[in-house]
């Protein structure tokens, strides 16, 4: 009985004196975390797999690959250069070297940026031809320094009307990107 009375007295005393055994009061910082600028201007390098889909039957559907580099002047506007190599079964490796203007719309909170591109370049096979192209894709960033991308590009060598063994074709590219 004496122990119960002592504990009750101690509890009542602590209740009225405001003494706590929880330690010092906790202070919360309500400052929002800084946002990661995932799509900031600057340089990047990429490597990708490319699936070639010719519009006609002069070449075969096939896989290839390539490398690229880009520089964004703002978070939305940049220039990209790339080289792609595929073997479409025409006894020649197709070498595509292009420069594109890229316009993207970053959604930082979703970590994605849809984009459109248009450019010019050359295709080198048994001869060299000028080509034009246009496409669209999506860039996804995991960190400000690393991301992946996928796009679809329609390519038309020499306006699509030349008399050669190169026809209009499409590329589907999937790759990884490192930002500097």
N, C-alpha and C. Protein backbone atom coordinates (compact mmCIF):
# COMPACT_ATOMS: atom_id res chain seq x y z
N UNK A 1 0.81 -1.18 0.00
CA UNK A 1 0.00 0.00 0.00
C UNK A 1 0.86 1.26 0.00
N UNK A 2 1.96 1.20 0.75
CA UNK A 2 2.85 2.34 0.83
C UNK A 2 3.48 2.63 -0.54
N UNK A 3 3.79 1.60 -1.33
CA UNK A 3 4.40 1.79 -2.66
C UNK A 3 3.38 2.43 -3.60
N UNK A 4 2.12 2.01 -3.53
CA UNK A 4 1.09 2.58 -4.39
C UNK A 4 0.89 4.05 -4.07
N UNK A 5 0.90 4.39 -2.79
CA UNK A 5 0.71 5.79 -2.39
C UNK A 5 1.89 6.63 -2.86
N UNK A 6 3.10 6.11 -2.76
CA UNK A 6 4.29 6.83 -3.17
C UNK A 6 4.27 7.06 -4.69
N UNK A 7 3.92 6.03 -5.46
CA UNK A 7 3.87 6.17 -6.92
C UNK A 7 2.78 7.15 -7.36
N UNK A 8 1.62 7.11 -6.68
CA UNK A 8 0.53 8.04 -7.01
C UNK A 8 0.95 9.47 -6.70
N UNK A 9 1.62 9.67 -5.57
CA UNK A 9 2.09 11.01 -5.21
C UNK A 9 3.11 11.52 -6.22
N UNK A 10 4.00 10.66 -6.64
CA UNK A 10 5.02 11.03 -7.62
C UNK A 10 4.39 11.39 -8.96
N UNK A 11 3.42 10.60 -9.40
CA UNK A 11 2.73 10.87 -10.67
C UNK A 11 1.98 12.19 -10.61
N UNK A 12 1.30 12.48 -9.51
CA UNK A 12 0.55 13.73 -9.37
C UNK A 12 1.52 14.91 -9.34
N UNK A 13 2.62 14.72 -8.67
CA UNK A 13 3.63 15.79 -8.60
C UNK A 13 4.21 16.10 -9.97
N UNK A 14 4.53 15.08 -10.75
CA UNK A 14 5.06 15.29 -12.09
C UNK A 14 4.02 15.92 -13.01
N UNK A 15 2.77 15.54 -12.84
CA UNK A 15 1.70 16.08 -13.67
C UNK A 15 1.56 17.59 -13.46
N UNK A 16 1.63 18.03 -12.19
CA UNK A 16 1.43 19.45 -11.90
C UNK A 16 2.68 20.29 -12.10
N UNK A 17 3.85 19.70 -12.06
CA UNK A 17 5.08 20.48 -12.25
C UNK A 17 5.49 20.56 -13.71
N UNK A 18 4.92 19.72 -14.55
CA UNK A 18 5.25 19.76 -15.97
C UNK A 18 6.57 19.10 -16.30
N UNK A 19 7.11 18.35 -15.37
CA UNK A 19 8.37 17.66 -15.62
C UNK A 19 8.09 16.49 -16.56
N UNK A 20 8.94 16.37 -17.53
CA UNK A 20 8.77 15.30 -18.52
C UNK A 20 10.05 14.51 -18.62
N UNK A 21 9.91 13.28 -18.87
CA UNK A 21 11.09 12.43 -19.06
C UNK A 21 11.37 12.21 -20.54
N UNK A 22 10.71 12.96 -21.42
CA UNK A 22 10.87 12.78 -22.87
C UNK A 22 12.08 13.51 -23.41
N UNK A 23 12.75 14.30 -22.63
CA UNK A 23 13.91 15.04 -23.09
C UNK A 23 13.53 16.44 -23.54
N UNK A 24 14.45 17.14 -24.19
CA UNK A 24 14.16 18.51 -24.61
C UNK A 24 13.06 18.53 -25.68
N UNK A 25 12.37 19.65 -25.81
CA UNK A 25 11.31 19.72 -26.81
C UNK A 25 11.87 19.58 -28.22
N UNK A 26 11.14 18.91 -29.08
CA UNK A 26 11.55 18.68 -30.46
C UNK A 26 11.13 19.88 -31.29
N UNK A 27 12.06 20.41 -32.10
CA UNK A 27 11.75 21.51 -32.99
C UNK A 27 11.73 20.99 -34.42
N UNK A 28 10.71 21.34 -35.16
CA UNK A 28 10.55 20.88 -36.54
C UNK A 28 10.93 22.00 -37.50
N UNK A 29 11.65 21.63 -38.55
CA UNK A 29 12.02 22.57 -39.58
C UNK A 29 11.01 22.44 -40.72
N UNK A 30 10.22 23.46 -40.94
CA UNK A 30 9.19 23.41 -41.98
C UNK A 30 9.68 23.96 -43.32
N UNK A 31 10.99 24.09 -43.49
CA UNK A 31 11.53 24.57 -44.75
C UNK A 31 11.42 23.45 -45.79
N UNK A 32 10.85 23.74 -46.97
CA UNK A 32 10.73 22.68 -47.99
C UNK A 32 12.10 22.26 -48.50
N UNK A 33 12.21 20.99 -48.88
CA UNK A 33 13.46 20.47 -49.42
C UNK A 33 13.74 21.14 -50.76
N UNK A 34 15.00 21.42 -51.08
CA UNK A 34 15.30 22.04 -52.38
C UNK A 34 14.95 21.08 -53.51
N UNK A 35 14.43 21.61 -54.58
CA UNK A 35 14.06 20.76 -55.71
C UNK A 35 15.29 20.45 -56.54
N UNK A 36 15.37 19.24 -57.01
CA UNK A 36 16.48 18.84 -57.88
C UNK A 36 16.19 19.37 -59.27
N UNK A 37 17.13 20.08 -59.84
CA UNK A 37 16.96 20.61 -61.19
C UNK A 37 17.38 19.52 -62.17
N UNK A 38 16.44 18.64 -62.49
CA UNK A 38 16.74 17.46 -63.29
C UNK A 38 17.03 17.77 -64.75
N UNK A 39 16.44 18.82 -65.28
CA UNK A 39 16.57 19.14 -66.71
C UNK A 39 17.23 20.50 -66.91
N UNK A 40 18.32 20.72 -66.23
CA UNK A 40 19.01 22.00 -66.32
C UNK A 40 19.82 22.08 -67.63
N UNK A 41 20.15 23.29 -68.06
CA UNK A 41 20.97 23.44 -69.26
C UNK A 41 22.34 22.79 -69.06
N UNK A 42 22.95 22.38 -70.16
CA UNK A 42 24.28 21.79 -70.09
C UNK A 42 24.46 20.64 -71.07
N UNK A 43 25.58 19.94 -70.88
CA UNK A 43 26.00 18.86 -71.77
C UNK A 43 25.52 17.51 -71.28
N UNK A 44 25.31 16.58 -72.22
CA UNK A 44 25.04 15.18 -71.87
C UNK A 44 25.56 14.28 -72.98
N UNK A 45 25.79 13.03 -72.64
CA UNK A 45 26.22 12.00 -73.59
C UNK A 45 25.27 10.81 -73.46
N UNK A 46 25.05 10.12 -74.57
CA UNK A 46 24.11 8.99 -74.53
C UNK A 46 24.62 7.82 -75.37
N UNK A 47 24.09 6.66 -75.06
CA UNK A 47 24.29 5.45 -75.85
C UNK A 47 22.92 4.80 -75.97
N UNK A 48 22.64 4.21 -77.13
CA UNK A 48 21.29 3.69 -77.34
C UNK A 48 21.27 2.51 -78.29
N UNK A 49 20.20 1.71 -78.16
CA UNK A 49 19.87 0.67 -79.13
C UNK A 49 18.86 1.29 -80.08
N UNK A 50 18.91 0.89 -81.34
CA UNK A 50 18.01 1.46 -82.34
C UNK A 50 17.40 0.33 -83.17
N UNK A 51 16.09 0.39 -83.32
CA UNK A 51 15.37 -0.57 -84.16
C UNK A 51 15.00 0.14 -85.45
N UNK A 52 15.43 -0.40 -86.58
CA UNK A 52 15.16 0.17 -87.90
C UNK A 52 13.95 -0.51 -88.52
N UNK A 53 13.01 0.30 -88.99
CA UNK A 53 11.80 -0.21 -89.65
C UNK A 53 11.67 0.54 -90.99
N UNK A 54 12.15 -0.07 -92.10
CA UNK A 54 12.01 0.58 -93.41
C UNK A 54 10.55 0.61 -93.86
N UNK A 55 10.19 1.64 -94.66
CA UNK A 55 8.82 1.77 -95.15
C UNK A 55 8.52 0.81 -96.29
N UNK A 56 9.53 0.42 -97.04
CA UNK A 56 9.31 -0.49 -98.17
C UNK A 56 9.95 -1.83 -97.93
N UNK A 57 10.33 -2.49 -99.01
CA UNK A 57 10.94 -3.81 -98.89
C UNK A 57 12.36 -3.87 -99.44
N UNK A 58 13.01 -2.72 -99.60
CA UNK A 58 14.39 -2.72 -100.08
C UNK A 58 15.39 -3.07 -98.97
N UNK A 59 14.98 -2.88 -97.72
CA UNK A 59 15.84 -3.19 -96.58
C UNK A 59 15.02 -3.98 -95.58
N UNK A 60 15.71 -4.61 -94.64
CA UNK A 60 15.05 -5.44 -93.63
C UNK A 60 14.95 -4.71 -92.30
N UNK A 61 13.93 -5.08 -91.51
CA UNK A 61 13.86 -4.61 -90.13
C UNK A 61 15.07 -5.17 -89.39
N UNK A 62 15.70 -4.35 -88.56
CA UNK A 62 16.88 -4.83 -87.87
C UNK A 62 17.18 -3.96 -86.66
N UNK A 63 18.06 -4.45 -85.80
CA UNK A 63 18.54 -3.70 -84.65
C UNK A 63 19.93 -3.17 -84.93
N UNK A 64 20.24 -2.04 -84.33
CA UNK A 64 21.57 -1.45 -84.40
C UNK A 64 21.81 -0.66 -83.13
N UNK A 65 22.69 0.31 -83.20
CA UNK A 65 22.97 1.11 -82.02
C UNK A 65 23.64 2.40 -82.38
N UNK A 66 23.89 3.21 -81.38
CA UNK A 66 24.53 4.48 -81.63
C UNK A 66 24.94 5.20 -80.37
N UNK A 67 25.55 6.36 -80.59
CA UNK A 67 25.98 7.24 -79.51
C UNK A 67 25.55 8.66 -79.87
N UNK A 68 25.46 9.50 -78.85
CA UNK A 68 25.07 10.88 -79.09
C UNK A 68 25.56 11.81 -78.02
N UNK A 69 25.45 13.07 -78.33
CA UNK A 69 25.77 14.13 -77.38
C UNK A 69 24.81 15.27 -77.61
N UNK A 70 24.53 16.03 -76.56
CA UNK A 70 23.63 17.16 -76.72
C UNK A 70 24.03 18.28 -75.79
N UNK A 71 23.61 19.47 -76.18
CA UNK A 71 23.79 20.64 -75.33
C UNK A 71 22.48 21.39 -75.29
N UNK A 72 21.97 21.62 -74.07
CA UNK A 72 20.74 22.39 -73.89
C UNK A 72 21.11 23.80 -73.45
N UNK A 73 20.64 24.79 -74.21
CA UNK A 73 20.89 26.19 -73.90
C UNK A 73 20.00 26.65 -72.74
N UNK A 74 18.78 26.12 -72.70
CA UNK A 74 17.84 26.37 -71.62
C UNK A 74 17.31 24.99 -71.20
N UNK A 75 16.42 24.95 -70.24
CA UNK A 75 15.85 23.66 -69.86
C UNK A 75 14.94 23.10 -70.95
N UNK A 76 14.57 23.94 -71.95
CA UNK A 76 13.63 23.51 -72.98
C UNK A 76 14.22 23.38 -74.38
N UNK A 77 15.31 24.07 -74.71
CA UNK A 77 15.81 24.13 -76.08
C UNK A 77 17.26 23.70 -76.16
N UNK A 78 17.54 22.75 -77.08
CA UNK A 78 18.91 22.28 -77.22
C UNK A 78 19.22 21.75 -78.61
N UNK A 79 20.48 21.41 -78.81
CA UNK A 79 20.97 20.78 -80.04
C UNK A 79 21.51 19.40 -79.68
N UNK A 80 21.23 18.42 -80.54
CA UNK A 80 21.72 17.06 -80.32
C UNK A 80 22.41 16.56 -81.58
N UNK A 81 23.48 15.84 -81.42
CA UNK A 81 24.18 15.20 -82.54
C UNK A 81 24.32 13.73 -82.21
N UNK A 82 24.14 12.87 -83.24
CA UNK A 82 24.25 11.44 -82.98
C UNK A 82 24.74 10.69 -84.21
N UNK A 83 25.25 9.53 -83.94
CA UNK A 83 25.64 8.58 -84.98
C UNK A 83 24.96 7.26 -84.70
N UNK A 84 24.33 6.69 -85.73
CA UNK A 84 23.63 5.41 -85.58
C UNK A 84 24.12 4.47 -86.67
N UNK A 85 24.31 3.21 -86.30
CA UNK A 85 24.79 2.22 -87.25
C UNK A 85 23.88 1.00 -87.22
N UNK A 86 23.40 0.59 -88.39
CA UNK A 86 22.56 -0.60 -88.51
C UNK A 86 22.94 -1.36 -89.77
N UNK A 87 22.66 -2.66 -89.79
CA UNK A 87 22.87 -3.50 -90.97
C UNK A 87 21.51 -3.99 -91.45
N UNK A 88 20.93 -3.32 -92.46
CA UNK A 88 19.58 -3.68 -92.91
C UNK A 88 19.53 -4.80 -93.95
N UNK A 89 20.60 -5.53 -94.13
CA UNK A 89 20.61 -6.63 -95.08
C UNK A 89 20.76 -6.20 -96.53
N UNK A 90 21.34 -5.03 -96.76
CA UNK A 90 21.54 -4.54 -98.14
C UNK A 90 23.00 -4.64 -98.56
N UNK A 91 23.77 -5.45 -97.89
CA UNK A 91 25.21 -5.60 -98.12
C UNK A 91 26.02 -4.36 -97.74
N UNK A 92 25.40 -3.41 -97.08
CA UNK A 92 26.07 -2.21 -96.61
C UNK A 92 25.57 -1.88 -95.20
N UNK A 93 26.46 -1.43 -94.35
CA UNK A 93 26.07 -0.91 -93.04
C UNK A 93 25.59 0.52 -93.27
N UNK A 94 24.42 0.87 -92.74
CA UNK A 94 23.94 2.25 -92.84
C UNK A 94 24.51 3.04 -91.68
N UNK A 95 25.21 4.11 -92.00
CA UNK A 95 25.77 5.04 -91.02
C UNK A 95 24.94 6.32 -91.10
N UNK A 96 24.24 6.66 -90.03
CA UNK A 96 23.48 7.91 -89.96
C UNK A 96 24.22 8.87 -89.05
N UNK A 97 24.52 10.06 -89.54
CA UNK A 97 25.12 11.12 -88.74
C UNK A 97 24.21 12.33 -88.84
N UNK A 98 23.65 12.77 -87.73
CA UNK A 98 22.63 13.81 -87.76
C UNK A 98 22.83 14.85 -86.66
N UNK A 99 22.25 16.02 -86.90
CA UNK A 99 22.14 17.07 -85.90
C UNK A 99 20.68 17.47 -85.82
N UNK A 100 20.14 17.51 -84.60
CA UNK A 100 18.73 17.82 -84.39
C UNK A 100 18.58 19.04 -83.48
N UNK A 101 17.50 19.77 -83.70
CA UNK A 101 17.04 20.77 -82.75
C UNK A 101 16.01 20.05 -81.88
N UNK A 102 16.15 20.18 -80.56
CA UNK A 102 15.27 19.47 -79.64
C UNK A 102 14.52 20.48 -78.78
N UNK A 103 13.21 20.31 -78.71
CA UNK A 103 12.36 21.13 -77.84
C UNK A 103 11.67 20.19 -76.85
N UNK A 104 11.92 20.40 -75.55
CA UNK A 104 11.33 19.54 -74.54
C UNK A 104 10.55 20.37 -73.52
N UNK A 105 9.61 19.71 -72.86
CA UNK A 105 8.81 20.34 -71.81
C UNK A 105 9.02 19.54 -70.53
N UNK A 106 9.90 20.02 -69.64
CA UNK A 106 10.18 19.28 -68.40
C UNK A 106 9.04 19.36 -67.39
N UNK A 107 8.74 18.22 -66.79
CA UNK A 107 7.85 18.13 -65.63
C UNK A 107 8.70 17.61 -64.48
N UNK A 108 9.33 18.53 -63.76
CA UNK A 108 10.28 18.18 -62.70
C UNK A 108 9.68 17.24 -61.67
N UNK A 109 8.44 17.50 -61.24
CA UNK A 109 7.84 16.69 -60.19
C UNK A 109 7.60 15.25 -60.64
N UNK A 110 7.44 15.03 -61.93
CA UNK A 110 7.24 13.68 -62.46
C UNK A 110 8.54 13.04 -62.96
N UNK A 111 9.61 13.83 -63.02
CA UNK A 111 10.93 13.39 -63.48
C UNK A 111 10.92 13.02 -64.97
N UNK A 112 10.04 13.61 -65.77
CA UNK A 112 9.99 13.32 -67.21
C UNK A 112 9.97 14.61 -68.01
N UNK A 113 10.37 14.50 -69.26
CA UNK A 113 10.31 15.62 -70.20
C UNK A 113 9.99 15.07 -71.59
N UNK A 114 8.75 15.21 -72.04
CA UNK A 114 8.44 14.85 -73.42
C UNK A 114 9.17 15.83 -74.35
N UNK A 115 9.55 15.36 -75.54
CA UNK A 115 10.26 16.25 -76.46
C UNK A 115 9.92 15.94 -77.91
N UNK A 116 10.20 16.93 -78.74
CA UNK A 116 10.08 16.80 -80.19
C UNK A 116 11.43 17.19 -80.77
N UNK A 117 11.77 16.59 -81.90
CA UNK A 117 13.04 16.91 -82.55
C UNK A 117 12.87 16.95 -84.06
N UNK A 118 13.73 17.71 -84.70
CA UNK A 118 13.79 17.78 -86.15
C UNK A 118 15.23 18.08 -86.52
N UNK A 119 15.71 17.45 -87.60
CA UNK A 119 17.10 17.68 -87.95
C UNK A 119 17.46 17.25 -89.36
N UNK A 120 18.74 17.43 -89.65
CA UNK A 120 19.31 17.04 -90.94
C UNK A 120 20.60 16.28 -90.68
N UNK A 121 21.02 15.56 -91.70
CA UNK A 121 22.26 14.82 -91.58
C UNK A 121 22.58 14.10 -92.87
N UNK A 122 23.38 13.05 -92.74
CA UNK A 122 23.75 12.24 -93.90
C UNK A 122 23.59 10.77 -93.56
N UNK A 123 23.32 9.99 -94.59
CA UNK A 123 23.37 8.53 -94.48
C UNK A 123 24.48 8.09 -95.42
N UNK A 124 25.38 7.28 -94.88
CA UNK A 124 26.51 6.79 -95.66
C UNK A 124 26.32 5.29 -95.84
N UNK A 125 26.21 4.85 -97.07
CA UNK A 125 26.18 3.42 -97.40
C UNK A 125 27.11 3.25 -98.58
N UNK A 126 26.64 2.79 -99.74
CA UNK A 126 27.54 2.73 -100.89
C UNK A 126 27.79 4.13 -101.46
N UNK A 127 26.92 5.08 -101.14
CA UNK A 127 27.13 6.50 -101.44
C UNK A 127 26.62 7.31 -100.25
N UNK A 128 26.79 8.61 -100.32
CA UNK A 128 26.35 9.48 -99.23
C UNK A 128 25.16 10.30 -99.69
N UNK A 129 24.12 10.34 -98.87
CA UNK A 129 22.91 11.10 -99.18
C UNK A 129 22.54 11.98 -98.01
N UNK A 130 21.95 13.11 -98.31
CA UNK A 130 21.43 14.00 -97.27
C UNK A 130 20.11 13.42 -96.79
N UNK A 131 19.82 13.59 -95.52
CA UNK A 131 18.55 13.11 -94.99
C UNK A 131 17.95 14.17 -94.07
N UNK A 132 16.65 14.10 -93.94
CA UNK A 132 15.91 14.91 -92.98
C UNK A 132 15.18 13.97 -92.04
N UNK A 133 14.80 14.47 -90.90
CA UNK A 133 14.09 13.61 -89.96
C UNK A 133 13.32 14.43 -88.94
N UNK A 134 12.33 13.81 -88.35
CA UNK A 134 11.52 14.43 -87.31
C UNK A 134 11.02 13.32 -86.40
N UNK A 135 10.80 13.66 -85.13
CA UNK A 135 10.34 12.63 -84.20
C UNK A 135 9.92 13.21 -82.87
N UNK A 136 9.57 12.30 -81.98
CA UNK A 136 9.12 12.66 -80.63
C UNK A 136 9.57 11.58 -79.66
N UNK A 137 9.71 11.97 -78.39
CA UNK A 137 10.13 11.00 -77.40
C UNK A 137 9.90 11.49 -75.99
N UNK A 138 10.45 10.73 -75.04
CA UNK A 138 10.32 11.08 -73.63
C UNK A 138 11.65 10.80 -72.94
N UNK A 139 12.06 11.75 -72.12
CA UNK A 139 13.29 11.68 -71.34
C UNK A 139 12.89 11.52 -69.89
N UNK A 140 13.43 10.52 -69.20
CA UNK A 140 13.10 10.27 -67.79
C UNK A 140 14.38 10.32 -66.98
N UNK A 141 14.39 11.14 -65.93
CA UNK A 141 15.58 11.32 -65.10
C UNK A 141 15.38 10.71 -63.73
N UNK A 142 16.37 9.95 -63.30
CA UNK A 142 16.37 9.38 -61.95
C UNK A 142 17.11 10.29 -60.99
N UNK A 143 18.17 10.93 -61.49
CA UNK A 143 18.95 11.91 -60.74
C UNK A 143 19.31 13.02 -61.73
N UNK A 144 19.84 14.14 -61.26
CA UNK A 144 20.27 15.17 -62.22
C UNK A 144 21.37 14.69 -63.16
N UNK A 145 22.08 13.62 -62.80
CA UNK A 145 23.19 13.15 -63.62
C UNK A 145 22.86 11.95 -64.50
N UNK A 146 21.73 11.26 -64.31
CA UNK A 146 21.47 10.03 -65.06
C UNK A 146 19.99 9.90 -65.40
N UNK A 147 19.75 9.40 -66.62
CA UNK A 147 18.38 9.16 -67.05
C UNK A 147 18.32 8.19 -68.20
N UNK A 148 17.10 7.88 -68.62
CA UNK A 148 16.88 7.03 -69.79
C UNK A 148 15.95 7.77 -70.74
N UNK A 149 15.93 7.34 -71.99
CA UNK A 149 15.06 7.97 -72.97
C UNK A 149 14.59 6.95 -73.98
N UNK A 150 13.51 7.30 -74.64
CA UNK A 150 12.98 6.49 -75.74
C UNK A 150 12.33 7.45 -76.72
N UNK A 151 12.53 7.20 -78.02
CA UNK A 151 11.90 8.06 -79.01
C UNK A 151 11.61 7.31 -80.30
N UNK A 152 10.81 7.95 -81.13
CA UNK A 152 10.46 7.47 -82.46
C UNK A 152 10.86 8.57 -83.43
N UNK A 153 11.57 8.20 -84.51
CA UNK A 153 12.07 9.17 -85.48
C UNK A 153 11.76 8.68 -86.89
N UNK A 154 11.14 9.53 -87.69
CA UNK A 154 10.89 9.22 -89.10
C UNK A 154 11.97 9.90 -89.92
N UNK A 155 12.63 9.12 -90.78
CA UNK A 155 13.77 9.61 -91.56
C UNK A 155 13.45 9.50 -93.05
N UNK A 156 13.76 10.59 -93.78
CA UNK A 156 13.53 10.59 -95.22
C UNK A 156 14.80 11.03 -95.93
N UNK A 157 15.52 10.07 -96.54
CA UNK A 157 16.74 10.38 -97.28
C UNK A 157 16.43 11.17 -98.55
N UNK A 158 17.11 12.27 -98.74
CA UNK A 158 16.99 13.11 -99.95
C UNK A 158 15.55 13.41 -100.29
N UNK A 159 14.75 13.71 -99.31
CA UNK A 159 13.36 14.05 -99.56
C UNK A 159 12.47 12.87 -99.84
N UNK A 160 12.99 11.67 -99.77
CA UNK A 160 12.19 10.46 -99.97
C UNK A 160 11.96 10.09 -101.43
N UNK A 161 12.44 10.90 -102.37
CA UNK A 161 12.12 10.62 -103.76
C UNK A 161 13.31 10.24 -104.62
N UNK A 162 14.44 9.95 -104.04
CA UNK A 162 15.61 9.66 -104.87
C UNK A 162 15.59 8.22 -105.38
N UNK A 163 16.32 7.99 -106.45
CA UNK A 163 16.37 6.65 -107.05
C UNK A 163 17.61 5.94 -106.54
N UNK A 164 17.47 5.27 -105.43
CA UNK A 164 18.59 4.53 -104.84
C UNK A 164 18.02 3.41 -103.99
N UNK A 165 18.92 2.69 -103.35
CA UNK A 165 18.46 1.57 -102.53
C UNK A 165 18.18 1.98 -101.09
N UNK A 166 17.99 3.26 -100.83
CA UNK A 166 17.62 3.73 -99.50
C UNK A 166 16.21 4.31 -99.57
N UNK A 167 15.34 3.78 -98.75
CA UNK A 167 13.96 4.26 -98.70
C UNK A 167 13.73 4.98 -97.38
N UNK A 168 12.58 5.62 -97.24
CA UNK A 168 12.23 6.23 -95.97
C UNK A 168 12.18 5.14 -94.90
N UNK A 169 12.56 5.50 -93.68
CA UNK A 169 12.56 4.51 -92.61
C UNK A 169 12.31 5.18 -91.28
N UNK A 170 12.01 4.36 -90.29
CA UNK A 170 11.74 4.81 -88.93
C UNK A 170 12.75 4.17 -87.99
N UNK A 171 13.09 4.94 -86.97
CA UNK A 171 13.92 4.44 -85.88
C UNK A 171 13.12 4.49 -84.60
N UNK A 172 13.24 3.47 -83.79
CA UNK A 172 12.80 3.51 -82.40
C UNK A 172 14.07 3.33 -81.58
N UNK A 173 14.37 4.33 -80.77
CA UNK A 173 15.60 4.30 -79.98
C UNK A 173 15.27 4.20 -78.50
N UNK A 174 16.09 3.43 -77.77
CA UNK A 174 15.98 3.30 -76.32
C UNK A 174 17.40 3.39 -75.78
N UNK A 175 17.62 4.30 -74.84
CA UNK A 175 18.99 4.46 -74.37
C UNK A 175 19.11 5.07 -72.99
N UNK A 176 20.36 5.27 -72.59
CA UNK A 176 20.71 5.88 -71.31
C UNK A 176 21.49 7.15 -71.57
N UNK A 177 21.35 8.09 -70.63
CA UNK A 177 21.95 9.41 -70.79
C UNK A 177 22.67 9.81 -69.50
N UNK A 178 23.87 10.35 -69.66
CA UNK A 178 24.65 10.87 -68.54
C UNK A 178 24.80 12.37 -68.75
N UNK A 179 24.45 13.16 -67.74
CA UNK A 179 24.52 14.61 -67.82
C UNK A 179 25.75 15.12 -67.09
N UNK A 180 26.36 16.15 -67.64
CA UNK A 180 27.58 16.73 -67.04
C UNK A 180 27.27 18.09 -66.45
